C-alpha atoms as a PDB file:
ATOM      1  CA  MET A   1      87.416  33.588  71.438  1.00  0.00           C
ATOM      2  CA  LEU A   2      90.431  32.476  73.564  1.00  0.00           C
ATOM      3  CA  GLN A   3      93.572  34.624  72.913  1.00  0.00           C
ATOM      4  CA  PRO A   4      96.837  33.257  73.864  1.00  0.00           C
ATOM      5  CA  GLN A   5      99.019  35.267  76.254  1.00  0.00           C
ATOM      6  CA  PRO A   6     102.729  34.973  76.913  1.00  0.00           C
ATOM      7  CA  ASP A   7     102.227  33.566  80.416  1.00  0.00           C
ATOM      8  CA  ALA A   8     104.515  30.598  81.387  1.00  0.00           C
ATOM      9  CA  ASN A   9     101.657  29.521  83.965  1.00  0.00           C
ATOM     10  CA  GLU A  10      99.010  29.214  81.271  1.00  0.00           C
ATOM     11  CA  ARG A  11      98.705  26.121  79.263  1.00  0.00           C
ATOM     12  CA  TYR A  12      96.864  25.563  76.018  1.00  0.00           C
ATOM     13  CA  SER A  13      95.878  22.586  73.805  1.00  0.00           C
ATOM     14  CA  TYR A  14      95.591  22.183  70.074  1.00  0.00           C
ATOM     15  CA  ALA A  15      91.721  22.673  70.597  1.00  0.00           C
ATOM     16  CA  ASP A  16      92.506  26.133  72.008  1.00  0.00           C
ATOM     17  CA  TYR A  17      94.884  26.942  69.194  1.00  0.00           C
ATOM     18  CA  LEU A  18      92.262  26.305  66.600  1.00  0.00           C
ATOM     19  CA  THR A  19      90.077  29.125  68.162  1.00  0.00           C
ATOM     20  CA  TRP A  20      92.858  31.853  67.789  1.00  0.00           C
ATOM     21  CA  ASP A  21      92.061  34.191  64.817  1.00  0.00           C
ATOM     22  CA  ASP A  22      94.103  37.180  65.664  1.00  0.00           C
ATOM     23  CA  GLY A  23      96.007  36.939  62.296  1.00  0.00           C
ATOM     24  CA  LYS A  24      99.206  35.890  63.825  1.00  0.00           C
ATOM     25  CA  ARG A  25     100.931  32.601  63.592  1.00  0.00           C
ATOM     26  CA  TRP A  26     101.354  30.549  66.767  1.00  0.00           C
ATOM     27  CA  GLU A  27     103.119  27.470  67.928  1.00  0.00           C
ATOM     28  CA  LEU A  28     102.505  25.412  71.032  1.00  0.00           C
ATOM     29  CA  ILE A  29     105.410  23.758  73.122  1.00  0.00           C
ATOM     30  CA  ASP A  30     104.121  21.600  75.961  1.00  0.00           C
ATOM     31  CA  GLY A  31     101.120  23.769  76.190  1.00  0.00           C
ATOM     32  CA  GLN A  32     102.841  27.109  76.102  1.00  0.00           C
ATOM     33  CA  SER A  33     102.125  29.552  73.432  1.00  0.00           C
ATOM     34  CA  PHE A  34     104.727  31.144  71.255  1.00  0.00           C
ATOM     35  CA  CYS A  35     104.127  33.955  68.776  1.00  0.00           C
ATOM     36  CA  MET A  36     106.027  33.380  65.590  1.00  0.00           C
ATOM     37  CA  SER A  37     108.193  36.157  64.161  1.00  0.00           C
ATOM     38  CA  PRO A  38     106.963  38.179  61.150  1.00  0.00           C
ATOM     39  CA  ALA A  39     107.455  36.869  57.603  1.00  0.00           C
ATOM     40  CA  PRO A  40     110.864  35.315  56.955  1.00  0.00           C
ATOM     41  CA  MET A  41     113.518  37.423  55.264  1.00  0.00           C
ATOM     42  CA  ARG A  42     114.210  36.927  51.643  1.00  0.00           C
ATOM     43  CA  GLN A  43     117.358  34.864  51.994  1.00  0.00           C
ATOM     44  CA  HIS A  44     115.528  32.369  54.202  1.00  0.00           C
ATOM     45  CA  GLN A  45     112.836  32.018  51.614  1.00  0.00           C
ATOM     46  CA  HIS A  46     115.433  31.486  48.907  1.00  0.00           C
ATOM     47  CA  ILE A  47     117.065  28.667  50.822  1.00  0.00           C
ATOM     48  CA  SER A  48     113.665  27.169  51.418  1.00  0.00           C
ATOM     49  CA  LYS A  49     112.875  27.264  47.683  1.00  0.00           C
ATOM     50  CA  LEU A  50     116.347  25.732  46.802  1.00  0.00           C
ATOM     51  CA  LEU A  51     116.028  22.872  49.299  1.00  0.00           C
ATOM     52  CA  GLY A  52     112.343  22.320  48.504  1.00  0.00           C
ATOM     53  CA  ARG A  53     113.322  21.896  44.755  1.00  0.00           C
ATOM     54  CA  GLN A  54     115.907  19.214  45.792  1.00  0.00           C
ATOM     55  CA  ILE A  55     113.754  17.402  48.102  1.00  0.00           C
ATOM     56  CA  ASP A  56     110.822  17.410  45.580  1.00  0.00           C
ATOM     57  CA  ALA A  57     113.082  16.044  42.900  1.00  0.00           C
ATOM     58  CA  TYR A  58     114.252  13.264  45.086  1.00  0.00           C
ATOM     59  CA  LEU A  59     110.736  12.458  46.289  1.00  0.00           C
ATOM     60  CA  SER A  60     109.295  12.382  42.701  1.00  0.00           C
ATOM     61  CA  ASP A  61     109.280   8.396  42.603  1.00  0.00           C
ATOM     62  CA  LYS A  62     108.491   7.946  46.205  1.00  0.00           C
ATOM     63  CA  SER A  63     105.359   7.780  48.377  1.00  0.00           C
ATOM     64  CA  CYS A  64     106.474  10.709  50.634  1.00  0.00           C
ATOM     65  CA  GLU A  65     105.095  14.183  50.504  1.00  0.00           C
ATOM     66  CA  MET A  66     106.927  17.527  51.274  1.00  0.00           C
ATOM     67  CA  TYR A  67     105.132  20.455  52.887  1.00  0.00           C
ATOM     68  CA  TYR A  68     106.178  24.044  53.451  1.00  0.00           C
ATOM     69  CA  ALA A  69     105.275  26.320  56.345  1.00  0.00           C
ATOM     70  CA  PRO A  70     102.586  27.244  57.510  1.00  0.00           C
ATOM     71  CA  PHE A  71     101.877  23.548  58.075  1.00  0.00           C
ATOM     72  CA  ASP A  72     100.759  22.221  61.470  1.00  0.00           C
ATOM     73  CA  VAL A  73     102.842  19.413  62.778  1.00  0.00           C
ATOM     74  CA  ARG A  74     100.987  18.025  66.015  1.00  0.00           C
ATOM     75  CA  PHE A  75     103.261  15.930  68.124  1.00  0.00           C
ATOM     76  CA  VAL A  76     101.478  13.060  69.847  1.00  0.00           C
ATOM     77  CA  GLU A  77     103.081  10.545  72.329  1.00  0.00           C
ATOM     78  CA  THR A  78     101.049   7.699  71.102  1.00  0.00           C
ATOM     79  CA  GLU A  79      99.824   6.488  67.778  1.00  0.00           C
ATOM     80  CA  ASP A  80      96.287   6.110  69.137  1.00  0.00           C
ATOM     81  CA  ASP A  81      93.840   8.809  68.096  1.00  0.00           C
ATOM     82  CA  VAL A  82      94.365  11.704  70.412  1.00  0.00           C
ATOM     83  CA  ALA A  83      91.731  14.349  70.910  1.00  0.00           C
ATOM     84  CA  ASP A  84      92.639  18.007  70.278  1.00  0.00           C
ATOM     85  CA  ASP A  85      92.240  18.745  73.923  1.00  0.00           C
ATOM     86  CA  TYR A  86      95.201  16.507  74.752  1.00  0.00           C
ATOM     87  CA  ILE A  87      97.634  17.787  72.064  1.00  0.00           C
ATOM     88  CA  ASP A  88      99.850  20.418  73.574  1.00  0.00           C
ATOM     89  CA  THR A  89     102.686  20.778  71.075  1.00  0.00           C
ATOM     90  CA  VAL A  90     102.111  22.105  67.654  1.00  0.00           C
ATOM     91  CA  VAL A  91     104.953  23.556  65.504  1.00  0.00           C
ATOM     92  CA  GLN A  92     105.272  24.820  61.855  1.00  0.00           C
ATOM     93  CA  PRO A  93     108.737  23.690  60.702  1.00  0.00           C
ATOM     94  CA  ASP A  94     109.917  25.417  57.366  1.00  0.00           C
ATOM     95  CA  ILE A  95     109.865  22.051  55.645  1.00  0.00           C
ATOM     96  CA  VAL A  96     108.509  18.734  56.496  1.00  0.00           C
ATOM     97  CA  VAL A  97     108.422  15.290  54.684  1.00  0.00           C
ATOM     98  CA  VAL A  98     105.802  12.729  55.676  1.00  0.00           C
ATOM     99  CA  CYS A  99     105.992   9.253  54.268  1.00  0.00           C
ATOM    100  CA  ASP A 100     103.137   7.720  56.285  1.00  0.00           C
ATOM    101  CA  PRO A 101      99.748   8.920  54.784  1.00  0.00           C
ATOM    102  CA  LYS A 102      97.990   7.939  58.008  1.00  0.00           C
ATOM    103  CA  LYS A 103      99.735  10.725  59.687  1.00  0.00           C
ATOM    104  CA  LEU A 104      98.227  13.320  57.309  1.00  0.00           C
ATOM    105  CA  ASP A 105      94.851  14.990  57.555  1.00  0.00           C
ATOM    106  CA  ASP A 106      93.271  18.255  56.435  1.00  0.00           C
ATOM    107  CA  ARG A 107      94.980  20.091  59.276  1.00  0.00           C
ATOM    108  CA  GLY A 108      98.424  18.942  58.657  1.00  0.00           C
ATOM    109  CA  CYS A 109     100.540  16.177  60.237  1.00  0.00           C
ATOM    110  CA  LYS A 110      99.541  14.408  63.481  1.00  0.00           C
ATOM    111  CA  GLY A 111     102.696  12.565  64.636  1.00  0.00           C
ATOM    112  CA  SER A 112     106.288  12.897  63.905  1.00  0.00           C
ATOM    113  CA  PRO A 113     107.266  13.796  60.231  1.00  0.00           C
ATOM    114  CA  ASP A 114     110.068  11.760  58.581  1.00  0.00           C
ATOM    115  CA  LEU A 115     112.077  14.784  58.078  1.00  0.00           C
ATOM    116  CA  ILE A 116     111.861  18.327  59.709  1.00  0.00           C
ATOM    117  CA  ILE A 117     113.860  21.179  58.434  1.00  0.00           C
ATOM    118  CA  GLU A 118     114.199  24.627  60.297  1.00  0.00           C
ATOM    119  CA  ILE A 119     116.149  27.126  58.309  1.00  0.00           C
ATOM    120  CA  LEU A 120     117.942  29.141  61.101  1.00  0.00           C
ATOM    121  CA  SER A 121     117.635  32.919  60.966  1.00  0.00           C
ATOM    122  CA  PRO A 122     118.982  35.370  63.578  1.00  0.00           C
ATOM    123  CA  SER A 123     115.682  36.115  64.880  1.00  0.00           C
ATOM    124  CA  THR A 124     114.649  32.355  65.381  1.00  0.00           C
ATOM    125  CA  ALA A 125     117.794  30.473  65.789  1.00  0.00           C
ATOM    126  CA  ARG A 126     117.614  30.571  69.691  1.00  0.00           C
ATOM    127  CA  MET A 127     114.020  29.285  69.659  1.00  0.00           C
ATOM    128  CA  ASP A 128     114.834  26.649  66.928  1.00  0.00           C
ATOM    129  CA  MET A 129     117.823  25.313  68.647  1.00  0.00           C
ATOM    130  CA  THR A 130     116.873  25.392  72.300  1.00  0.00           C
ATOM    131  CA  ILE A 131     113.295  24.762  72.339  1.00  0.00           C
ATOM    132  CA  LYS A 132     112.109  23.231  69.180  1.00  0.00           C
ATOM    133  CA  PHE A 133     115.072  20.965  68.349  1.00  0.00           C
ATOM    134  CA  PRO A 134     115.049  18.910  71.571  1.00  0.00           C
ATOM    135  CA  ILE A 135     111.383  18.011  70.873  1.00  0.00           C
ATOM    136  CA  SER A 136     112.235  16.545  67.391  1.00  0.00           C
ATOM    137  CA  ALA A 137     115.459  14.893  68.814  1.00  0.00           C
ATOM    138  CA  MET A 138     113.536  13.082  71.445  1.00  0.00           C
ATOM    139  CA  LEU A 139     111.044  11.840  68.843  1.00  0.00           C
ATOM    140  CA  GLN A 140     113.950  10.339  66.971  1.00  0.00           C
ATOM    141  CA  LEU A 141     114.423   7.940  69.929  1.00  0.00           C
ATOM    142  CA  VAL A 142     111.023   6.517  69.519  1.00  0.00           C
ATOM    143  CA  PRO A 143     111.101   3.620  67.173  1.00  0.00           C
ATOM    144  CA  SER A 144     108.717   3.689  64.175  1.00  0.00           C
ATOM    145  CA  PRO A 145     106.331   0.675  63.605  1.00  0.00           C
END
């Protein structure tokens, strides 16, 4: 069993990520592993619940689906089927909305969701704003089919 290490020189893929069973939650950003913080604080969960209710009500007559963390979002640069060995960015946003059912599989979302929500907490704000946000912002520049 391969265990991730906080080593900037080590690169991992989604295939590696799937073998980690140390009981922790991990994310991959450009092949680098990041251990997620402990369970969110109560206020974070309350905000997530309130947002989720509103989004769920809005989506009630639409074909989009909403998911809460932990839910793997695997970012890929192409719409072609990409093997797990070549996926190097996997995140677990607080809330995601996916409108294209072809992006959904048993492991989560493969491709960019239509909406990503990260609820900022003091312990995660820096990571969310400086590392994760630029990834999703760049994906907004890629036109959807």
